[in-house]
Amino acid sequence: MSLTVYGAPLSPYVRKVRLLLAEKALDYKLEIILPFAQPAWFRDFNPLERIPALKDGELTLADSSVICHYLDEKYPQSSNLLGRTPEQRAQVRWLEKYADYELAPLCTFTVFRNRVLKPSMGKPCDEATVQKALHEQLPPHFDYLEKILGAAEYLVGDSLTLADLALACQLVNMQHGGEQLDAERWPNLSAHYTRITARDSVQGLLPGEQKMLAKMATKA
Protein backbone atom coordinates (compact mmCIF):
# COMPACT_ATOMS: atom_id res chain seq x y z
CA MET A 1 0.00 0.00 0.00
CA SER A 2 1.32 3.44 -0.89
CA LEU A 3 -0.92 5.94 0.86
CA THR A 4 0.50 9.37 1.64
CA VAL A 5 -1.41 12.12 3.43
CA TYR A 6 -0.21 15.69 2.96
CA GLY A 7 -1.10 18.23 5.62
CA ALA A 8 -0.60 19.55 9.15
CA PRO A 9 -1.65 17.50 12.21
CA LEU A 10 -3.55 20.34 13.91
CA SER A 11 -5.84 20.83 10.92
CA PRO A 12 -9.24 19.29 11.75
CA TYR A 13 -9.56 18.19 8.14
CA VAL A 14 -6.21 16.41 8.16
CA ARG A 15 -7.13 14.90 11.53
CA LYS A 16 -10.39 13.59 10.08
CA VAL A 17 -8.56 11.76 7.29
CA ARG A 18 -5.99 10.34 9.71
CA LEU A 19 -8.71 9.14 12.09
CA LEU A 20 -10.55 7.39 9.29
CA LEU A 21 -7.31 5.70 8.23
CA ALA A 22 -6.69 4.61 11.81
CA GLU A 23 -10.22 3.29 12.24
CA LYS A 24 -9.82 1.30 9.04
CA ALA A 25 -6.34 0.11 10.10
CA LEU A 26 -4.76 1.41 6.89
CA ASP A 27 -1.05 2.20 6.85
CA TYR A 28 0.00 5.57 5.48
CA LYS A 29 2.78 8.16 5.56
CA LEU A 30 2.16 11.72 6.70
CA GLU A 31 4.10 14.42 4.87
CA ILE A 32 3.86 17.77 6.62
CA ILE A 33 2.46 20.53 4.44
CA LEU A 34 1.39 23.71 6.20
CA PRO A 35 -1.71 25.69 5.23
CA PHE A 36 0.59 28.54 4.16
CA ALA A 37 3.98 28.83 2.40
CA GLN A 38 3.36 25.61 0.51
CA PRO A 39 5.89 24.24 -1.98
CA ALA A 40 5.09 24.88 -5.62
CA TRP A 41 4.70 21.19 -6.38
CA PHE A 42 1.75 20.94 -3.98
CA ARG A 43 -0.40 22.88 -6.44
CA ASP A 44 -0.35 19.78 -8.62
CA PHE A 45 -2.12 17.95 -5.81
CA ASN A 46 -4.54 20.75 -5.02
CA PRO A 47 -4.68 23.91 -7.16
CA LEU A 48 -6.66 25.55 -4.34
CA GLU A 49 -3.59 25.10 -2.09
CA ARG A 50 -5.57 23.62 0.77
CA ILE A 51 -4.85 20.67 3.02
CA PRO A 52 -5.22 17.76 3.16
CA ALA A 53 -4.30 15.98 -0.03
CA LEU A 54 -3.87 12.25 -0.60
CA LYS A 55 -1.74 10.17 -2.93
CA ASP A 56 -2.69 6.54 -3.45
CA GLY A 57 -0.38 5.04 -6.03
CA GLU A 58 -0.84 7.18 -9.13
CA LEU A 59 -4.06 8.79 -7.87
CA THR A 60 -4.01 12.19 -6.16
CA LEU A 61 -7.01 13.70 -4.40
CA ALA A 62 -7.80 16.85 -2.44
CA ASP A 63 -10.58 17.80 0.01
CA SER A 64 -10.99 15.84 3.24
CA SER A 65 -14.53 14.70 2.49
CA VAL A 66 -13.63 13.44 -0.99
CA ILE A 67 -10.59 11.66 0.45
CA CYS A 68 -12.53 10.02 3.28
CA HIS A 69 -15.34 8.83 1.03
CA TYR A 70 -12.82 7.46 -1.46
CA LEU A 71 -10.90 5.56 1.23
CA ASP A 72 -14.04 4.06 2.73
CA GLU A 73 -15.22 2.87 -0.67
CA LYS A 74 -11.79 1.76 -1.92
CA TYR A 75 -11.03 -0.32 1.18
CA PRO A 76 -14.38 -1.86 2.18
CA GLN A 77 -12.76 -4.85 3.86
CA SER A 78 -12.41 -2.82 7.06
CA SER A 79 -14.87 -0.70 9.04
CA ASN A 80 -17.73 0.89 7.11
CA LEU A 81 -17.78 4.54 8.17
CA LEU A 82 -20.25 5.95 5.64
CA GLY A 83 -23.43 4.22 6.81
CA ARG A 84 -25.14 0.98 5.79
CA THR A 85 -28.26 2.26 4.00
CA PRO A 86 -28.96 5.13 1.60
CA GLU A 87 -30.71 6.92 4.45
CA GLN A 88 -27.75 6.53 6.78
CA ARG A 89 -25.26 7.53 4.12
CA ALA A 90 -27.24 10.70 3.44
CA GLN A 91 -27.29 11.52 7.16
CA VAL A 92 -23.54 10.94 7.43
CA ARG A 93 -22.86 13.24 4.48
CA TRP A 94 -25.11 15.93 5.94
CA LEU A 95 -23.58 15.86 9.42
CA GLU A 96 -20.04 15.72 8.08
CA LYS A 97 -20.82 18.79 5.96
CA TYR A 98 -22.43 20.45 8.99
CA ALA A 99 -19.26 19.99 11.04
CA ASP A 100 -16.97 21.05 8.20
CA TYR A 101 -18.91 24.13 7.13
CA GLU A 102 -20.87 25.34 10.17
CA LEU A 103 -18.70 24.39 13.15
CA ALA A 104 -15.28 24.87 11.56
CA PRO A 105 -15.58 28.66 11.11
CA LEU A 106 -16.25 28.94 14.84
CA CYS A 107 -14.42 26.08 16.59
CA THR A 108 -11.31 26.18 14.42
CA PHE A 109 -11.10 29.48 12.56
CA THR A 110 -12.31 31.57 15.50
CA VAL A 111 -11.52 29.88 18.84
CA PHE A 112 -8.46 27.85 17.83
CA ARG A 113 -7.09 30.44 15.44
CA ASN A 114 -7.34 33.29 17.93
CA ARG A 115 -6.29 31.43 21.04
CA VAL A 116 -3.51 29.28 19.53
CA LEU A 117 -2.39 30.19 16.02
CA LYS A 118 -2.33 33.97 16.23
CA PRO A 119 -0.35 34.15 19.51
CA SER A 120 2.18 31.67 18.11
CA MET A 121 2.72 34.09 15.21
CA GLY A 122 3.07 37.10 17.48
CA LYS A 123 -0.41 38.39 16.69
CA PRO A 124 -3.04 39.40 19.28
CA CYS A 125 -6.03 37.25 20.06
CA ASP A 126 -9.38 38.85 19.20
CA GLU A 127 -11.06 37.74 22.40
CA ALA A 128 -14.28 39.61 21.68
CA THR A 129 -14.76 37.55 18.53
CA VAL A 130 -14.01 34.37 20.47
CA GLN A 131 -16.57 35.23 23.14
CA LYS A 132 -19.22 35.98 20.50
CA ALA A 133 -18.59 32.58 18.92
CA LEU A 134 -18.76 30.79 22.26
CA HIS A 135 -21.85 32.50 23.66
CA GLU A 136 -23.88 33.52 20.62
CA GLN A 137 -22.95 31.56 17.53
CA LEU A 138 -22.01 28.06 18.68
CA PRO A 139 -24.86 27.34 21.15
CA PRO A 140 -27.58 27.02 18.47
CA HIS A 141 -25.41 24.51 16.62
CA PHE A 142 -24.81 22.53 19.80
CA ASP A 143 -28.54 22.62 20.58
CA TYR A 144 -29.27 21.12 17.16
CA LEU A 145 -26.65 18.39 17.50
CA GLU A 146 -27.78 17.57 21.04
CA LYS A 147 -31.29 17.01 19.68
CA ILE A 148 -30.09 14.97 16.70
CA LEU A 149 -27.96 12.73 18.91
CA GLY A 150 -30.47 12.22 21.70
CA ALA A 151 -29.53 9.33 23.96
CA ALA A 152 -27.79 7.40 21.17
CA GLU A 153 -24.11 6.55 21.29
CA TYR A 154 -23.47 7.65 17.72
CA LEU A 155 -24.88 10.32 15.43
CA VAL A 156 -26.01 7.89 12.74
CA GLY A 157 -27.00 4.26 13.31
CA ASP A 158 -25.52 2.11 16.02
CA SER A 159 -21.83 2.33 15.12
CA LEU A 160 -19.11 4.90 14.48
CA THR A 161 -19.31 6.86 11.23
CA LEU A 162 -17.51 9.71 9.55
CA ALA A 163 -20.12 12.06 11.04
CA ASP A 164 -18.84 11.29 14.55
CA LEU A 165 -15.24 11.81 13.49
CA ALA A 166 -15.95 15.10 11.70
CA LEU A 167 -17.74 16.52 14.74
CA ALA A 168 -15.06 15.40 17.16
CA CYS A 169 -12.34 16.93 14.98
CA GLN A 170 -13.85 20.38 15.35
CA LEU A 171 -14.42 20.01 19.08
CA VAL A 172 -10.81 18.88 19.54
CA ASN A 173 -9.68 22.18 18.03
CA MET A 174 -12.06 24.07 20.29
CA GLN A 175 -10.55 22.23 23.26
CA HIS A 176 -7.05 23.04 22.02
CA GLY A 177 -8.25 26.63 22.21
CA GLY A 178 -9.10 26.19 25.88
CA GLU A 179 -12.85 25.56 25.63
CA GLN A 180 -15.04 22.51 26.25
CA LEU A 181 -18.69 21.67 25.85
CA ASP A 182 -20.88 22.54 28.81
CA ALA A 183 -21.82 19.07 30.06
CA GLU A 184 -24.85 20.40 31.95
CA ARG A 185 -26.31 22.22 28.96
CA TRP A 186 -25.38 19.59 26.35
CA PRO A 187 -25.01 16.30 28.30
CA ASN A 188 -25.51 13.96 25.36
CA LEU A 189 -23.11 15.84 23.11
CA SER A 190 -20.52 16.08 25.86
CA ALA A 191 -20.76 12.34 26.55
CA HIS A 192 -20.46 11.65 22.83
CA TYR A 193 -17.29 13.75 22.61
CA THR A 194 -15.78 11.95 25.59
CA ARG A 195 -16.66 8.60 24.04
CA ILE A 196 -15.20 9.39 20.62
CA THR A 197 -12.00 10.96 21.94
CA ALA A 198 -11.41 7.92 24.14
CA ARG A 199 -11.07 5.72 21.06
CA ASP A 200 -7.63 4.36 20.23
CA SER A 201 -7.63 6.24 16.91
CA VAL A 202 -7.94 9.61 18.63
CA GLN A 203 -5.67 8.75 21.53
CA GLY A 204 -3.02 7.77 19.02
CA LEU A 205 -2.96 11.30 17.58
CA LEU A 206 -3.50 13.58 20.56
CA PRO A 207 -0.07 13.19 22.24
CA GLY A 208 1.66 14.38 19.08
CA GLU A 209 -0.74 17.31 18.83
CA GLN A 210 -0.11 18.26 22.46
CA LYS A 211 3.62 18.36 21.79
CA MET A 212 3.05 20.68 18.85
CA LEU A 213 0.81 22.93 20.96
CA ALA A 214 3.43 23.11 23.70
CA LYS A 215 6.07 24.10 21.17
CA MET A 216 3.79 26.76 19.70
CA ALA A 217 3.06 28.14 23.17
CA THR A 218 6.75 28.90 23.67
CA LYS A 219 6.57 31.24 20.69
CA ALA A 220 3.53 33.12 21.99
C-alpha atoms as a PDB file:
ATOM      1  CA  MET A   1       0.000   0.000   0.000  1.00  0.00           C
ATOM      2  CA  SER A   2       1.318   3.443  -0.889  1.00  0.00           C
ATOM      3  CA  LEU A   3      -0.920   5.944   0.860  1.00  0.00           C
ATOM      4  CA  THR A   4       0.504   9.371   1.640  1.00  0.00           C
ATOM      5  CA  VAL A   5      -1.410  12.124   3.430  1.00  0.00           C
ATOM      6  CA  TYR A   6      -0.211  15.693   2.955  1.00  0.00           C
ATOM      7  CA  GLY A   7      -1.102  18.225   5.617  1.00  0.00           C
ATOM      8  CA  ALA A   8      -0.598  19.549   9.150  1.00  0.00           C
ATOM      9  CA  PRO A   9      -1.645  17.499  12.206  1.00  0.00           C
ATOM     10  CA  LEU A  10      -3.550  20.344  13.912  1.00  0.00           C
ATOM     11  CA  SER A  11      -5.842  20.830  10.923  1.00  0.00           C
ATOM     12  CA  PRO A  12      -9.242  19.293  11.750  1.00  0.00           C
ATOM     13  CA  TYR A  13      -9.556  18.185   8.141  1.00  0.00           C
ATOM     14  CA  VAL A  14      -6.206  16.406   8.160  1.00  0.00           C
ATOM     15  CA  ARG A  15      -7.125  14.903  11.530  1.00  0.00           C
ATOM     16  CA  LYS A  16     -10.392  13.594  10.077  1.00  0.00           C
ATOM     17  CA  VAL A  17      -8.556  11.763   7.290  1.00  0.00           C
ATOM     18  CA  ARG A  18      -5.995  10.338   9.708  1.00  0.00           C
ATOM     19  CA  LEU A  19      -8.705   9.137  12.088  1.00  0.00           C
ATOM     20  CA  LEU A  20     -10.554   7.392   9.285  1.00  0.00           C
ATOM     21  CA  LEU A  21      -7.308   5.704   8.226  1.00  0.00           C
ATOM     22  CA  ALA A  22      -6.688   4.613  11.814  1.00  0.00           C
ATOM     23  CA  GLU A  23     -10.221   3.287  12.244  1.00  0.00           C
ATOM     24  CA  LYS A  24      -9.824   1.301   9.036  1.00  0.00           C
ATOM     25  CA  ALA A  25      -6.339   0.107  10.104  1.00  0.00           C
ATOM     26  CA  LEU A  26      -4.764   1.411   6.893  1.00  0.00           C
ATOM     27  CA  ASP A  27      -1.046   2.203   6.851  1.00  0.00           C
ATOM     28  CA  TYR A  28       0.001   5.573   5.482  1.00  0.00           C
ATOM     29  CA  LYS A  29       2.775   8.156   5.557  1.00  0.00           C
ATOM     30  CA  LEU A  30       2.158  11.715   6.701  1.00  0.00           C
ATOM     31  CA  GLU A  31       4.099  14.415   4.870  1.00  0.00           C
ATOM     32  CA  ILE A  32       3.863  17.766   6.622  1.00  0.00           C
ATOM     33  CA  ILE A  33       2.456  20.527   4.442  1.00  0.00           C
ATOM     34  CA  LEU A  34       1.393  23.714   6.196  1.00  0.00           C
ATOM     35  CA  PRO A  35      -1.712  25.694   5.227  1.00  0.00           C
ATOM     36  CA  PHE A  36       0.595  28.536   4.157  1.00  0.00           C
ATOM     37  CA  ALA A  37       3.976  28.831   2.404  1.00  0.00           C
ATOM     38  CA  GLN A  38       3.357  25.610   0.512  1.00  0.00           C
ATOM     39  CA  PRO A  39       5.893  24.237  -1.977  1.00  0.00           C
ATOM     40  CA  ALA A  40       5.091  24.877  -5.618  1.00  0.00           C
ATOM     41  CA  TRP A  41       4.698  21.186  -6.384  1.00  0.00           C
ATOM     42  CA  PHE A  42       1.753  20.938  -3.984  1.00  0.00           C
ATOM     43  CA  ARG A  43      -0.399  22.879  -6.442  1.00  0.00           C
ATOM     44  CA  ASP A  44      -0.355  19.784  -8.625  1.00  0.00           C
ATOM     45  CA  PHE A  45      -2.120  17.952  -5.811  1.00  0.00           C
ATOM     46  CA  ASN A  46      -4.543  20.745  -5.020  1.00  0.00           C
ATOM     47  CA  PRO A  47      -4.676  23.909  -7.161  1.00  0.00           C
ATOM     48  CA  LEU A  48      -6.664  25.550  -4.337  1.00  0.00           C
ATOM     49  CA  GLU A  49      -3.594  25.103  -2.093  1.00  0.00           C
ATOM     50  CA  ARG A  50      -5.565  23.617   0.773  1.00  0.00           C
ATOM     51  CA  ILE A  51      -4.852  20.670   3.023  1.00  0.00           C
ATOM     52  CA  PRO A  52      -5.225  17.758   3.160  1.00  0.00           C
ATOM     53  CA  ALA A  53      -4.304  15.980  -0.033  1.00  0.00           C
ATOM     54  CA  LEU A  54      -3.871  12.254  -0.600  1.00  0.00           C
ATOM     55  CA  LYS A  55      -1.735  10.170  -2.930  1.00  0.00           C
ATOM     56  CA  ASP A  56      -2.694   6.544  -3.448  1.00  0.00           C
ATOM     57  CA  GLY A  57      -0.385   5.036  -6.032  1.00  0.00           C
ATOM     58  CA  GLU A  58      -0.842   7.182  -9.129  1.00  0.00           C
ATOM     59  CA  LEU A  59      -4.058   8.791  -7.871  1.00  0.00           C
ATOM     60  CA  THR A  60      -4.005  12.186  -6.161  1.00  0.00           C
ATOM     61  CA  LEU A  61      -7.006  13.697  -4.397  1.00  0.00           C
ATOM     62  CA  ALA A  62      -7.797  16.850  -2.437  1.00  0.00           C
ATOM     63  CA  ASP A  63     -10.582  17.801   0.012  1.00  0.00           C
ATOM     64  CA  SER A  64     -10.994  15.838   3.241  1.00  0.00           C
ATOM     65  CA  SER A  65     -14.535  14.705   2.485  1.00  0.00           C
ATOM     66  CA  VAL A  66     -13.628  13.440  -0.990  1.00  0.00           C
ATOM     67  CA  ILE A  67     -10.594  11.660   0.447  1.00  0.00           C
ATOM     68  CA  CYS A  68     -12.528  10.020   3.284  1.00  0.00           C
ATOM     69  CA  HIS A  69     -15.340   8.833   1.031  1.00  0.00           C
ATOM     70  CA  TYR A  70     -12.815   7.462  -1.459  1.00  0.00           C
ATOM     71  CA  LEU A  71     -10.902   5.562   1.228  1.00  0.00           C
ATOM     72  CA  ASP A  72     -14.044   4.059   2.730  1.00  0.00           C
ATOM     73  CA  GLU A  73     -15.217   2.866  -0.675  1.00  0.00           C
ATOM     74  CA  LYS A  74     -11.786   1.757  -1.918  1.00  0.00           C
ATOM     75  CA  TYR A  75     -11.025  -0.321   1.177  1.00  0.00           C
ATOM     76  CA  PRO A  76     -14.381  -1.858   2.179  1.00  0.00           C
ATOM     77  CA  GLN A  77     -12.757  -4.850   3.865  1.00  0.00           C
ATOM     78  CA  SER A  78     -12.408  -2.821   7.064  1.00  0.00           C
ATOM     79  CA  SER A  79     -14.867  -0.701   9.042  1.00  0.00           C
ATOM     80  CA  ASN A  80     -17.733   0.893   7.108  1.00  0.00           C
ATOM     81  CA  LEU A  81     -17.784   4.543   8.167  1.00  0.00           C
ATOM     82  CA  LEU A  82     -20.251   5.949   5.638  1.00  0.00           C
ATOM     83  CA  GLY A  83     -23.430   4.216   6.812  1.00  0.00           C
ATOM     84  CA  ARG A  84     -25.135   0.981   5.792  1.00  0.00           C
ATOM     85  CA  THR A  85     -28.255   2.256   3.996  1.00  0.00           C
ATOM     86  CA  PRO A  86     -28.965   5.133   1.596  1.00  0.00           C
ATOM     87  CA  GLU A  87     -30.713   6.924   4.450  1.00  0.00           C
ATOM     88  CA  GLN A  88     -27.753   6.527   6.782  1.00  0.00           C
ATOM     89  CA  ARG A  89     -25.258   7.529   4.121  1.00  0.00           C
ATOM     90  CA  ALA A  90     -27.245  10.699   3.436  1.00  0.00           C
ATOM     91  CA  GLN A  91     -27.288  11.520   7.159  1.00  0.00           C
ATOM     92  CA  VAL A  92     -23.541  10.937   7.427  1.00  0.00           C
ATOM     93  CA  ARG A  93     -22.861  13.244   4.476  1.00  0.00           C
ATOM     94  CA  TRP A  94     -25.111  15.926   5.943  1.00  0.00           C
ATOM     95  CA  LEU A  95     -23.577  15.860   9.419  1.00  0.00           C
ATOM     96  CA  GLU A  96     -20.037  15.725   8.076  1.00  0.00           C
ATOM     97  CA  LYS A  97     -20.819  18.787   5.964  1.00  0.00           C
ATOM     98  CA  TYR A  98     -22.429  20.447   8.985  1.00  0.00           C
ATOM     99  CA  ALA A  99     -19.260  19.987  11.039  1.00  0.00           C
ATOM    100  CA  ASP A 100     -16.966  21.054   8.198  1.00  0.00           C
ATOM    101  CA  TYR A 101     -18.914  24.134   7.134  1.00  0.00           C
ATOM    102  CA  GLU A 102     -20.870  25.338  10.167  1.00  0.00           C
ATOM    103  CA  LEU A 103     -18.704  24.388  13.146  1.00  0.00           C
ATOM    104  CA  ALA A 104     -15.280  24.873  11.557  1.00  0.00           C
ATOM    105  CA  PRO A 105     -15.580  28.663  11.107  1.00  0.00           C
ATOM    106  CA  LEU A 106     -16.254  28.941  14.840  1.00  0.00           C
ATOM    107  CA  CYS A 107     -14.421  26.083  16.588  1.00  0.00           C
ATOM    108  CA  THR A 108     -11.310  26.179  14.424  1.00  0.00           C
ATOM    109  CA  PHE A 109     -11.101  29.478  12.561  1.00  0.00           C
ATOM    110  CA  THR A 110     -12.309  31.569  15.495  1.00  0.00           C
ATOM    111  CA  VAL A 111     -11.517  29.883  18.839  1.00  0.00           C
ATOM    112  CA  PHE A 112      -8.458  27.847  17.830  1.00  0.00           C
ATOM    113  CA  ARG A 113      -7.085  30.435  15.438  1.00  0.00           C
ATOM    114  CA  ASN A 114      -7.341  33.292  17.925  1.00  0.00           C
ATOM    115  CA  ARG A 115      -6.292  31.428  21.042  1.00  0.00           C
ATOM    116  CA  VAL A 116      -3.509  29.277  19.531  1.00  0.00           C
ATOM    117  CA  LEU A 117      -2.389  30.191  16.019  1.00  0.00           C
ATOM    118  CA  LYS A 118      -2.327  33.974  16.228  1.00  0.00           C
ATOM    119  CA  PRO A 119      -0.348  34.153  19.508  1.00  0.00           C
ATOM    120  CA  SER A 120       2.184  31.674  18.107  1.00  0.00           C
ATOM    121  CA  MET A 121       2.723  34.087  15.209  1.00  0.00           C
ATOM    122  CA  GLY A 122       3.066  37.100  17.477  1.00  0.00           C
ATOM    123  CA  LYS A 123      -0.413  38.392  16.692  1.00  0.00           C
ATOM    124  CA  PRO A 124      -3.036  39.403  19.284  1.00  0.00           C
ATOM    125  CA  CYS A 125      -6.035  37.254  20.061  1.00  0.00           C
ATOM    126  CA  ASP A 126      -9.375  38.847  19.197  1.00  0.00           C
ATOM    127  CA  GLU A 127     -11.059  37.737  22.402  1.00  0.00           C
ATOM    128  CA  ALA A 128     -14.276  39.613  21.685  1.00  0.00           C
ATOM    129  CA  THR A 129     -14.760  37.548  18.531  1.00  0.00           C
ATOM    130  CA  VAL A 130     -14.005  34.369  20.473  1.00  0.00           C
ATOM    131  CA  GLN A 131     -16.575  35.225  23.135  1.00  0.00           C
ATOM    132  CA  LYS A 132     -19.216  35.977  20.504  1.00  0.00           C
ATOM    133  CA  ALA A 133     -18.589  32.585  18.917  1.00  0.00           C
ATOM    134  CA  LEU A 134     -18.761  30.793  22.260  1.00  0.00           C
ATOM    135  CA  HIS A 135     -21.849  32.499  23.658  1.00  0.00           C
ATOM    136  CA  GLU A 136     -23.884  33.519  20.619  1.00  0.00           C
ATOM    137  CA  GLN A 137     -22.946  31.561  17.526  1.00  0.00           C
ATOM    138  CA  LEU A 138     -22.010  28.063  18.682  1.00  0.00           C
ATOM    139  CA  PRO A 139     -24.856  27.343  21.154  1.00  0.00           C
ATOM    140  CA  PRO A 140     -27.582  27.023  18.473  1.00  0.00           C
ATOM    141  CA  HIS A 141     -25.415  24.506  16.624  1.00  0.00           C
ATOM    142  CA  PHE A 142     -24.805  22.530  19.798  1.00  0.00           C
ATOM    143  CA  ASP A 143     -28.544  22.621  20.578  1.00  0.00           C
ATOM    144  CA  TYR A 144     -29.272  21.124  17.165  1.00  0.00           C
ATOM    145  CA  LEU A 145     -26.651  18.392  17.497  1.00  0.00           C
ATOM    146  CA  GLU A 146     -27.776  17.574  21.041  1.00  0.00           C
ATOM    147  CA  LYS A 147     -31.287  17.013  19.682  1.00  0.00           C
ATOM    148  CA  ILE A 148     -30.089  14.971  16.699  1.00  0.00           C
ATOM    149  CA  LEU A 149     -27.960  12.729  18.913  1.00  0.00           C
ATOM    150  CA  GLY A 150     -30.474  12.220  21.696  1.00  0.00           C
ATOM    151  CA  ALA A 151     -29.527   9.331  23.956  1.00  0.00           C
ATOM    152  CA  ALA A 152     -27.794   7.396  21.168  1.00  0.00           C
ATOM    153  CA  GLU A 153     -24.114   6.545  21.291  1.00  0.00           C
ATOM    154  CA  TYR A 154     -23.467   7.654  17.719  1.00  0.00           C
ATOM    155  CA  LEU A 155     -24.883  10.325  15.434  1.00  0.00           C
ATOM    156  CA  VAL A 156     -26.011   7.891  12.741  1.00  0.00           C
ATOM    157  CA  GLY A 157     -26.996   4.262  13.309  1.00  0.00           C
ATOM    158  CA  ASP A 158     -25.517   2.108  16.023  1.00  0.00           C
ATOM    159  CA  SER A 159     -21.833   2.334  15.120  1.00  0.00           C
ATOM    160  CA  LEU A 160     -19.110   4.895  14.477  1.00  0.00           C
ATOM    161  CA  THR A 161     -19.313   6.863  11.233  1.00  0.00           C
ATOM    162  CA  LEU A 162     -17.515   9.715   9.547  1.00  0.00           C
ATOM    163  CA  ALA A 163     -20.118  12.056  11.042  1.00  0.00           C
ATOM    164  CA  ASP A 164     -18.842  11.288  14.547  1.00  0.00           C
ATOM    165  CA  LEU A 165     -15.241  11.812  13.493  1.00  0.00           C
ATOM    166  CA  ALA A 166     -15.951  15.101  11.701  1.00  0.00           C
ATOM    167  CA  LEU A 167     -17.743  16.524  14.735  1.00  0.00           C
ATOM    168  CA  ALA A 168     -15.056  15.397  17.159  1.00  0.00           C
ATOM    169  CA  CYS A 169     -12.337  16.925  14.977  1.00  0.00           C
ATOM    170  CA  GLN A 170     -13.847  20.383  15.346  1.00  0.00           C
ATOM    171  CA  LEU A 171     -14.419  20.008  19.080  1.00  0.00           C
ATOM    172  CA  VAL A 172     -10.808  18.885  19.536  1.00  0.00           C
ATOM    173  CA  ASN A 173      -9.678  22.184  18.027  1.00  0.00           C
ATOM    174  CA  MET A 174     -12.059  24.073  20.290  1.00  0.00           C
ATOM    175  CA  GLN A 175     -10.546  22.235  23.259  1.00  0.00           C
ATOM    176  CA  HIS A 176      -7.047  23.036  22.017  1.00  0.00           C
ATOM    177  CA  GLY A 177      -8.249  26.634  22.212  1.00  0.00           C
ATOM    178  CA  GLY A 178      -9.104  26.195  25.884  1.00  0.00           C
ATOM    179  CA  GLU A 179     -12.850  25.561  25.633  1.00  0.00           C
ATOM    180  CA  GLN A 180     -15.037  22.513  26.249  1.00  0.00           C
ATOM    181  CA  LEU A 181     -18.694  21.674  25.850  1.00  0.00           C
ATOM    182  CA  ASP A 182     -20.881  22.540  28.811  1.00  0.00           C
ATOM    183  CA  ALA A 183     -21.822  19.068  30.063  1.00  0.00           C
ATOM    184  CA  GLU A 184     -24.851  20.400  31.951  1.00  0.00           C
ATOM    185  CA  ARG A 185     -26.308  22.221  28.957  1.00  0.00           C
ATOM    186  CA  TRP A 186     -25.379  19.586  26.353  1.00  0.00           C
ATOM    187  CA  PRO A 187     -25.015  16.303  28.303  1.00  0.00           C
ATOM    188  CA  ASN A 188     -25.512  13.961  25.359  1.00  0.00           C
ATOM    189  CA  LEU A 189     -23.111  15.838  23.105  1.00  0.00           C
ATOM    190  CA  SER A 190     -20.524  16.084  25.864  1.00  0.00           C
ATOM    191  CA  ALA A 191     -20.759  12.338  26.553  1.00  0.00           C
ATOM    192  CA  HIS A 192     -20.460  11.649  22.826  1.00  0.00           C
ATOM    193  CA  TYR A 193     -17.292  13.746  22.607  1.00  0.00           C
ATOM    194  CA  THR A 194     -15.782  11.948  25.590  1.00  0.00           C
ATOM    195  CA  ARG A 195     -16.665   8.595  24.044  1.00  0.00           C
ATOM    196  CA  ILE A 196     -15.200   9.392  20.620  1.00  0.00           C
ATOM    197  CA  THR A 197     -12.001  10.961  21.935  1.00  0.00           C
ATOM    198  CA  ALA A 198     -11.406   7.915  24.136  1.00  0.00           C
ATOM    199  CA  ARG A 199     -11.068   5.725  21.056  1.00  0.00           C
ATOM    200  CA  ASP A 200      -7.632   4.360  20.226  1.00  0.00           C
ATOM    201  CA  SER A 201      -7.628   6.239  16.915  1.00  0.00           C
ATOM    202  CA  VAL A 202      -7.941   9.614  18.629  1.00  0.00           C
ATOM    203  CA  GLN A 203      -5.673   8.747  21.529  1.00  0.00           C
ATOM    204  CA  GLY A 204      -3.018   7.767  19.017  1.00  0.00           C
ATOM    205  CA  LEU A 205      -2.956  11.301  17.576  1.00  0.00           C
ATOM    206  CA  LEU A 206      -3.501  13.582  20.558  1.00  0.00           C
ATOM    207  CA  PRO A 207      -0.074  13.188  22.244  1.00  0.00           C
ATOM    208  CA  GLY A 208       1.657  14.384  19.077  1.00  0.00           C
ATOM    209  CA  GLU A 209      -0.737  17.311  18.828  1.00  0.00           C
ATOM    210  CA  GLN A 210      -0.114  18.259  22.456  1.00  0.00           C
ATOM    211  CA  LYS A 211       3.621  18.364  21.789  1.00  0.00           C
ATOM    212  CA  MET A 212       3.049  20.683  18.851  1.00  0.00           C
ATOM    213  CA  LEU A 213       0.814  22.932  20.957  1.00  0.00           C
ATOM    214  CA  ALA A 214       3.430  23.109  23.700  1.00  0.00           C
ATOM    215  CA  LYS A 215       6.065  24.099  21.168  1.00  0.00           C
ATOM    216  CA  MET A 216       3.789  26.762  19.703  1.00  0.00           C
ATOM    217  CA  ALA A 217       3.064  28.141  23.170  1.00  0.00           C
ATOM    218  CA  THR A 218       6.750  28.904  23.670  1.00  0.00           C
ATOM    219  CA  LYS A 219       6.571  31.243  20.690  1.00  0.00           C
ATOM    220  CA  ALA A 220       3.533  33.122  21.988  1.00  0.00           C
END
